[in-house]
N, C-alpha and C. Protein backbone atom coordinates (compact mmCIF):
# COMPACT_ATOMS: atom_id res chain seq x y z
N UNK A 1 104.01 98.11 186.80
CA UNK A 1 102.80 98.39 185.78
C UNK A 1 103.68 98.51 184.70
N UNK A 2 103.54 97.84 183.20
CA UNK A 2 104.05 98.12 181.95
C UNK A 2 103.34 99.40 181.35
N UNK A 3 103.94 100.32 180.68
CA UNK A 3 103.49 100.95 179.85
C UNK A 3 103.43 100.47 178.34
N UNK A 4 102.53 100.76 177.43
CA UNK A 4 102.44 99.84 176.40
C UNK A 4 101.51 100.93 175.05
N UNK A 5 102.46 100.64 174.09
CA UNK A 5 101.69 101.11 172.71
C UNK A 5 100.19 100.22 172.08
N UNK A 6 99.08 100.36 172.19
CA UNK A 6 98.21 99.67 171.73
C UNK A 6 97.81 100.09 170.40
N UNK A 7 96.75 99.11 169.50
CA UNK A 7 96.61 99.89 168.52
C UNK A 7 94.61 99.65 168.46
N UNK A 8 94.55 99.56 167.33
CA UNK A 8 92.55 100.13 166.82
C UNK A 8 92.64 98.28 167.24
N UNK A 9 93.36 97.13 166.73
CA UNK A 9 93.27 95.99 167.14
C UNK A 9 93.02 95.53 168.30
N UNK A 10 93.82 96.25 169.18
CA UNK A 10 93.31 95.49 170.50
C UNK A 10 92.34 96.09 171.16
N UNK A 11 92.09 97.58 170.88
CA UNK A 11 91.02 98.42 171.88
C UNK A 11 89.92 97.86 171.06
N UNK A 12 89.67 97.70 169.68
CA UNK A 12 88.16 97.63 169.57
C UNK A 12 87.54 96.17 170.08
N UNK A 13 88.35 95.31 170.52
CA UNK A 13 88.32 94.11 171.32
C UNK A 13 87.48 94.53 173.06
N UNK A 14 87.82 95.81 173.51
CA UNK A 14 87.34 96.13 174.57
C UNK A 14 85.79 96.40 174.96
N UNK A 15 85.45 96.96 173.85
CA UNK A 15 84.00 96.94 172.88
C UNK A 15 83.10 96.13 172.52
N UNK A 16 83.92 94.80 171.72
CA UNK A 16 83.09 94.26 171.22
C UNK A 16 83.72 92.70 171.01
N UNK A 17 83.24 91.82 171.23
CA UNK A 17 83.86 90.62 171.73
C UNK A 17 83.93 89.82 170.11
N UNK A 18 85.16 89.41 170.15
CA UNK A 18 85.79 88.56 169.35
C UNK A 18 86.72 87.99 169.76
N UNK A 19 87.89 87.06 168.75
CA UNK A 19 88.57 86.35 169.41
C UNK A 19 89.47 87.08 170.41
N UNK A 20 90.28 86.81 171.41
CA UNK A 20 91.33 87.01 172.12
C UNK A 20 90.55 89.00 172.83
N UNK A 21 89.11 88.90 172.71
CA UNK A 21 88.75 89.79 173.49
C UNK A 21 89.30 89.79 175.11
N UNK A 22 89.16 88.34 175.67
CA UNK A 22 89.89 88.66 177.03
C UNK A 22 91.63 88.81 176.88
N UNK A 23 92.21 88.81 176.24
CA UNK A 23 93.90 89.08 176.15
C UNK A 23 93.58 90.19 175.40
N UNK A 24 92.64 91.07 175.53
CA UNK A 24 92.83 92.75 175.44
C UNK A 24 92.43 93.19 176.59
N UNK A 25 91.42 92.82 177.18
CA UNK A 25 91.00 92.96 178.32
C UNK A 25 92.18 92.86 179.66
N UNK A 26 92.69 91.85 179.47
CA UNK A 26 93.73 92.02 180.18
C UNK A 26 95.12 92.58 180.24
N UNK A 27 95.08 93.83 179.37
CA UNK A 27 95.77 94.98 178.81
C UNK A 27 95.59 95.77 179.83
N UNK A 28 94.12 96.12 180.38
CA UNK A 28 93.84 97.66 180.87
C UNK A 28 94.37 97.51 182.04
N UNK A 29 95.13 96.45 182.87
CA UNK A 29 96.31 96.54 183.99
C UNK A 29 97.27 97.44 184.14
N UNK A 30 97.65 97.85 182.70
CA UNK A 30 98.88 98.78 182.41
C UNK A 30 98.29 99.84 182.05
N UNK A 31 99.43 101.06 182.28
CA UNK A 31 99.29 102.08 181.61
C UNK A 31 99.44 101.35 180.08
N UNK A 32 98.48 102.83 178.93
CA UNK A 32 98.25 102.38 177.98
C UNK A 32 98.46 103.62 177.10
N UNK A 33 98.70 103.91 175.91
CA UNK A 33 98.86 104.92 175.12
C UNK A 33 98.43 104.44 173.51
N UNK A 34 98.51 105.26 172.75
CA UNK A 34 98.15 105.26 171.34
C UNK A 34 98.00 106.66 171.14
N UNK A 35 98.11 106.83 169.36
CA UNK A 35 97.97 108.24 168.85
C UNK A 35 96.50 107.99 168.78
N UNK A 36 96.13 109.73 168.86
CA UNK A 36 94.89 109.99 168.82
C UNK A 36 94.32 109.54 167.32
N UNK A 37 95.15 108.43 166.40
CA UNK A 37 94.47 108.46 165.55
C UNK A 37 93.71 107.07 165.80
N UNK A 38 93.50 106.35 167.57
CA UNK A 38 93.18 105.76 167.15
C UNK A 38 91.61 105.82 167.26
N UNK A 39 91.22 106.69 168.06
CA UNK A 39 89.66 107.24 167.68
C UNK A 39 88.88 107.14 166.42
N UNK A 40 89.34 107.40 165.21
CA UNK A 40 89.12 107.25 164.20
C UNK A 40 89.16 105.81 163.49
N UNK A 41 90.29 105.49 164.04
CA UNK A 41 90.23 103.93 163.51
C UNK A 41 89.45 103.28 164.05
N UNK A 42 89.05 103.03 165.38
CA UNK A 42 87.79 102.44 165.88
C UNK A 42 86.30 102.78 165.67
N UNK A 43 86.50 104.10 165.38
CA UNK A 43 85.21 104.82 164.32
C UNK A 43 84.85 103.83 163.12
N UNK A 44 86.07 104.08 162.58
CA UNK A 44 85.79 102.99 161.51
C UNK A 44 85.42 102.08 161.53
N UNK A 45 86.30 101.14 162.47
CA UNK A 45 85.96 99.97 162.70
C UNK A 45 84.55 99.27 162.78
N UNK A 46 83.64 99.85 163.91
CA UNK A 46 82.63 100.22 164.33
C UNK A 46 81.32 100.48 163.17
N UNK A 47 81.90 101.67 162.20
CA UNK A 47 80.69 101.54 160.95
C UNK A 47 80.94 100.06 160.14
N UNK A 48 82.00 99.56 159.64
CA UNK A 48 82.05 98.58 159.16
C UNK A 48 81.32 97.29 159.64
N UNK A 49 81.01 97.30 161.13
CA UNK A 49 80.58 96.20 161.99
C UNK A 49 79.32 96.96 161.69
N UNK A 50 78.48 97.93 161.92
CA UNK A 50 77.64 98.43 161.69
C UNK A 50 76.96 98.06 160.25
N UNK A 51 77.44 97.86 158.87
CA UNK A 51 77.11 98.04 157.72
C UNK A 51 77.01 96.34 157.85
N UNK A 52 77.86 95.78 157.72
CA UNK A 52 78.01 94.30 157.71
C UNK A 52 76.71 93.67 159.03
N UNK A 53 75.96 94.48 159.53
CA UNK A 53 74.97 93.69 160.32
C UNK A 53 75.40 93.33 161.58
N UNK A 54 76.53 93.22 161.66
CA UNK A 54 77.22 92.64 163.24
C UNK A 54 76.98 92.99 164.52
N UNK A 55 76.61 94.56 164.20
CA UNK A 55 76.61 95.68 165.71
C UNK A 55 75.95 96.19 165.09
N UNK A 56 74.34 96.98 165.81
CA UNK A 56 73.09 98.11 165.80
C UNK A 56 73.93 99.47 165.87
N UNK A 57 73.09 100.19 165.59
CA UNK A 57 73.29 101.41 165.46
C UNK A 57 73.40 101.68 166.70
N UNK A 58 72.76 101.53 168.24
CA UNK A 58 72.68 101.81 169.35
C UNK A 58 74.22 101.45 170.16
N UNK A 59 74.36 100.03 169.45
CA UNK A 59 75.46 99.72 170.32
C UNK A 59 76.83 100.12 169.51
N UNK A 60 76.61 100.65 168.32
CA UNK A 60 77.98 101.28 167.75
C UNK A 60 78.07 102.23 168.54
N UNK A 61 77.30 103.21 168.91
CA UNK A 61 77.36 104.23 169.64
C UNK A 61 78.03 104.48 171.11
N UNK A 62 77.28 103.49 171.95
CA UNK A 62 78.15 103.04 173.37
C UNK A 62 79.30 102.47 173.42
N UNK A 63 79.93 101.77 171.99
CA UNK A 63 80.94 101.38 172.03
C UNK A 63 81.75 101.95 172.04
N UNK A 64 81.50 103.57 171.17
CA UNK A 64 82.05 104.75 170.68
C UNK A 64 82.58 105.31 172.22
N UNK A 65 81.03 105.50 173.20
CA UNK A 65 81.22 106.14 174.38
C UNK A 65 82.27 105.41 175.40
N UNK A 66 82.24 103.67 175.58
CA UNK A 66 82.89 103.06 176.12
C UNK A 66 84.61 103.49 175.44
N UNK A 67 84.86 103.36 174.49
CA UNK A 67 86.47 103.14 173.86
C UNK A 67 86.97 105.08 174.80
N UNK A 68 85.81 106.12 174.44
CA UNK A 68 86.40 107.78 174.82
C UNK A 68 86.59 107.23 176.50
N UNK A 69 86.07 106.25 177.00
CA UNK A 69 86.23 106.22 178.62
C UNK A 69 87.34 105.33 178.89
N UNK A 70 87.95 104.64 177.84
CA UNK A 70 88.91 103.66 178.27
C UNK A 70 90.38 104.67 178.71
N UNK A 71 90.55 103.73 179.81
CA UNK A 71 92.03 104.16 180.17
C UNK A 71 93.37 103.89 179.24
N UNK A 72 93.19 105.17 177.98
CA UNK A 72 94.38 105.22 177.28
C UNK A 72 94.91 106.79 177.25
N UNK A 73 95.83 107.13 177.06
CA UNK A 73 96.48 108.27 176.99
C UNK A 73 96.53 108.53 175.61
N UNK A 74 96.12 109.56 174.54
CA UNK A 74 96.03 109.52 173.27
C UNK A 74 97.18 110.85 172.86
N UNK A 75 98.32 110.55 171.81
CA UNK A 75 99.28 111.66 171.90
C UNK A 75 98.78 111.69 170.59
N UNK A 76 98.99 113.19 170.40
CA UNK A 76 98.77 114.01 168.89
C UNK A 76 99.61 113.84 167.99
N UNK A 77 98.98 113.10 166.49
CA UNK A 77 99.73 112.75 165.87
C UNK A 77 100.86 113.35 165.43
N UNK A 78 100.83 114.79 165.11
CA UNK A 78 101.79 116.20 164.77
C UNK A 78 103.11 115.19 165.11
N UNK A 79 103.33 115.12 166.57
CA UNK A 79 104.78 114.76 166.77
C UNK A 79 105.46 113.33 166.06
N UNK A 80 104.29 112.56 165.89
CA UNK A 80 104.53 111.07 165.40
C UNK A 80 104.75 111.13 163.72
N UNK A 81 104.42 112.58 163.14
CA UNK A 81 104.29 112.17 161.41
C UNK A 81 105.61 111.77 160.85
N UNK A 82 106.46 112.54 161.15
CA UNK A 82 108.26 112.47 160.43
C UNK A 82 108.54 111.06 160.44
N UNK A 83 108.62 110.24 161.62
CA UNK A 83 109.05 108.98 162.04
C UNK A 83 107.81 107.68 161.99
N UNK A 84 107.24 108.19 161.48
CA UNK A 84 105.92 107.73 160.77
C UNK A 84 105.83 107.19 159.30
N UNK A 85 105.95 108.36 158.74
CA UNK A 85 106.37 108.21 157.42
C UNK A 85 107.78 107.56 157.08
N UNK A 86 108.89 108.05 157.77
CA UNK A 86 110.07 107.04 157.59
C UNK A 86 109.85 105.62 157.55
N UNK A 87 109.00 105.33 158.66
CA UNK A 87 108.58 104.12 158.94
C UNK A 87 108.42 103.49 157.71
N UNK A 88 107.23 104.16 157.20
CA UNK A 88 106.10 103.10 156.63
C UNK A 88 106.88 103.07 155.05
N UNK A 89 107.79 104.11 154.98
CA UNK A 89 108.40 104.04 153.37
C UNK A 89 109.31 103.21 153.45
N UNK A 90 110.36 103.03 154.83
CA UNK A 90 111.47 101.99 154.98
C UNK A 90 110.98 100.49 155.15
N UNK A 91 109.70 100.20 155.61
CA UNK A 91 109.02 99.17 155.56
C UNK A 91 107.93 98.53 154.64
N UNK A 92 107.68 99.35 154.13
CA UNK A 92 106.76 99.55 152.89
C UNK A 92 105.22 99.08 153.48
N UNK A 93 104.81 99.58 154.38
CA UNK A 93 103.59 99.66 155.35
C UNK A 93 102.71 100.56 155.34
N UNK A 94 101.49 100.63 155.33
CA UNK A 94 100.62 101.70 155.29
C UNK A 94 101.17 102.75 156.56
N UNK A 95 100.88 103.97 156.52
CA UNK A 95 101.37 104.80 157.16
C UNK A 95 101.00 104.81 158.73
N UNK A 96 99.28 104.57 158.75
CA UNK A 96 98.55 104.58 159.52
C UNK A 96 98.97 103.77 160.75
N UNK A 97 99.40 102.67 160.75
CA UNK A 97 100.10 101.52 161.15
C UNK A 97 101.16 102.19 161.99
N UNK A 98 101.88 103.13 160.96
CA UNK A 98 103.46 103.20 161.68
C UNK A 98 103.63 104.12 162.46
N UNK A 99 101.92 105.09 162.64
CA UNK A 99 102.14 106.26 163.66
C UNK A 99 102.35 104.95 165.50
N UNK A 100 101.63 104.20 165.66
CA UNK A 100 101.71 103.30 166.49
C UNK A 100 103.28 102.80 166.79
N UNK A 101 103.63 102.59 165.61
CA UNK A 101 105.31 101.88 165.78
C UNK A 101 106.25 103.54 165.65
N UNK A 102 105.90 104.61 165.82
CA UNK A 102 106.71 105.89 165.97
C UNK A 102 106.27 106.03 167.40
N UNK A 103 104.98 105.72 167.89
CA UNK A 103 105.14 106.23 169.31
C UNK A 103 105.85 105.62 170.49
N UNK A 104 105.64 104.05 169.81
CA UNK A 104 106.39 103.01 170.38
C UNK A 104 108.00 103.20 170.64
N UNK A 105 108.58 103.79 169.06
CA UNK A 105 109.70 104.23 169.30
C UNK A 105 110.25 105.39 170.15
N UNK A 106 109.57 106.37 169.88
CA UNK A 106 109.84 107.64 170.69
C UNK A 106 109.66 107.72 171.70
N UNK A 107 108.83 107.09 172.46
CA UNK A 107 108.89 106.98 173.63
C UNK A 107 109.14 105.66 174.91
N UNK A 108 109.65 104.82 173.58
CA UNK A 108 110.25 103.57 174.35
C UNK A 108 109.41 102.51 174.94
N UNK A 109 108.50 102.22 174.65
CA UNK A 109 107.47 101.42 175.24
C UNK A 109 106.97 100.36 173.94
N UNK A 110 106.75 99.03 174.34
CA UNK A 110 106.65 98.19 173.94
C UNK A 110 105.02 98.61 173.21
N UNK A 111 104.91 97.76 171.88
CA UNK A 111 103.83 97.85 170.75
C UNK A 111 103.26 96.51 171.13
N UNK A 112 101.93 96.36 171.65
CA UNK A 112 100.97 95.32 171.49
C UNK A 112 100.17 95.67 170.34
N UNK A 113 99.70 94.38 169.37
CA UNK A 113 98.80 94.25 168.53
C UNK A 113 98.22 92.89 168.50
N UNK A 114 97.03 92.97 167.74
CA UNK A 114 96.38 91.48 167.86
C UNK A 114 96.70 91.41 165.92
N UNK A 115 96.89 92.26 165.25
CA UNK A 115 97.56 91.84 163.83
C UNK A 115 98.96 91.06 163.80
N UNK A 116 98.43 89.99 163.60
CA UNK A 116 99.71 88.96 163.74
C UNK A 116 100.14 88.97 162.23
N UNK A 117 99.26 89.33 161.11
CA UNK A 117 100.44 89.41 160.10
C UNK A 117 101.52 91.07 160.02
N UNK A 118 101.07 91.62 160.91
CA UNK A 118 102.00 93.16 161.00
C UNK A 118 103.09 92.54 161.75
N UNK A 119 102.72 91.69 163.17
CA UNK A 119 103.67 91.25 163.81
C UNK A 119 104.85 90.63 163.08
N UNK A 120 104.45 89.43 162.12
CA UNK A 120 105.67 88.55 161.43
C UNK A 120 105.78 89.47 160.41
N UNK A 121 105.52 90.94 159.75
CA UNK A 121 106.17 91.52 158.88
C UNK A 121 107.39 91.98 159.63
N UNK A 122 106.85 92.91 160.51
CA UNK A 122 107.87 93.40 161.36
C UNK A 122 109.29 92.64 162.25
N UNK A 123 108.57 91.58 162.62
CA UNK A 123 110.00 90.44 162.95
C UNK A 123 110.95 90.26 161.76
N UNK A 124 110.04 89.84 160.78
CA UNK A 124 110.69 89.61 159.09
C UNK A 124 111.66 90.79 158.97
N UNK A 125 111.34 92.10 159.12
CA UNK A 125 111.81 92.86 158.72
C UNK A 125 112.85 93.42 159.67
N UNK A 126 113.23 92.66 160.78
CA UNK A 126 114.06 92.78 162.00
C UNK A 126 113.79 94.56 162.75
N UNK A 127 112.42 94.62 162.82
CA UNK A 127 112.23 95.84 163.10
C UNK A 127 112.82 96.05 164.69
N UNK A 128 113.69 96.91 165.03
CA UNK A 128 114.27 97.36 166.27
C UNK A 128 114.22 98.12 167.23
N UNK A 129 113.13 99.68 166.30
CA UNK A 129 113.09 100.77 166.96
C UNK A 129 112.25 100.64 168.15
N UNK A 130 111.31 99.65 168.04
CA UNK A 130 110.23 99.18 169.46
C UNK A 130 110.23 97.78 169.18
N UNK A 131 110.06 97.23 171.00
CA UNK A 131 109.82 95.80 170.70
C UNK A 131 108.08 95.41 170.62
N UNK A 132 108.42 94.57 169.75
CA UNK A 132 106.74 94.33 169.28
C UNK A 132 106.12 93.11 169.76
N UNK A 133 105.14 93.13 170.09
CA UNK A 133 104.57 92.25 170.93
C UNK A 133 102.94 91.51 170.53
N UNK A 134 102.40 90.25 170.27
CA UNK A 134 101.02 90.10 170.17
C UNK A 134 100.40 90.08 171.34
N UNK A 135 99.01 90.13 171.02
CA UNK A 135 98.35 90.52 171.95
C UNK A 135 98.31 89.46 173.34
N UNK A 136 98.51 88.24 172.77
CA UNK A 136 98.84 87.17 174.07
C UNK A 136 100.50 87.39 174.54
N UNK A 137 101.48 87.87 174.00
CA UNK A 137 103.00 88.09 174.71
C UNK A 137 102.08 89.36 175.71
N UNK A 138 101.84 90.60 175.67
CA UNK A 138 101.44 91.32 176.46
C UNK A 138 100.55 91.62 177.02
N UNK A 139 99.57 90.04 177.00
CA UNK A 139 98.78 89.62 177.85
C UNK A 139 99.51 89.19 179.47
N UNK A 140 100.43 88.54 178.69
CA UNK A 140 100.78 87.77 179.63
C UNK A 140 102.23 88.28 180.80
N UNK A 141 102.31 89.92 180.69
CA UNK A 141 103.41 90.54 181.11
C UNK A 141 102.67 90.75 182.69
N UNK A 142 103.70 90.70 183.53
CA UNK A 142 103.08 90.86 185.12
C UNK A 142 102.54 92.33 185.30
N UNK A 143 101.52 92.06 186.32
CA UNK A 143 100.85 93.59 186.46
C UNK A 143 102.03 94.65 186.90
């Protein structure tokens, strides 16, 4: 079993059906970790979906409960903040995404995301602190 760091773009697919939700579900066989930022990011995504009418109030609450029960080890952000800020400045990228990168780098685990623009940016920058994987690449990992 592989240990992966996942972000909100992956986790939200476990509770809201959209493109690549099946690939996100395939990651649930692995050991998963994320900064505790995952909780607030997913809540914000669910809030936006209710504002747009994509999700009703009760479904948003059920989704939040399901995310709380997901087998993801949440890591406190203070441990990650210095490296996250360093990476944000160096990469010219928002710090909240860099918390996931910092966790992957510090714990030496691959980072899996459904955010293809982030993957392209990190690969173009030759980001070497951690392996960065698309959701499809991560879903193809053996159990």
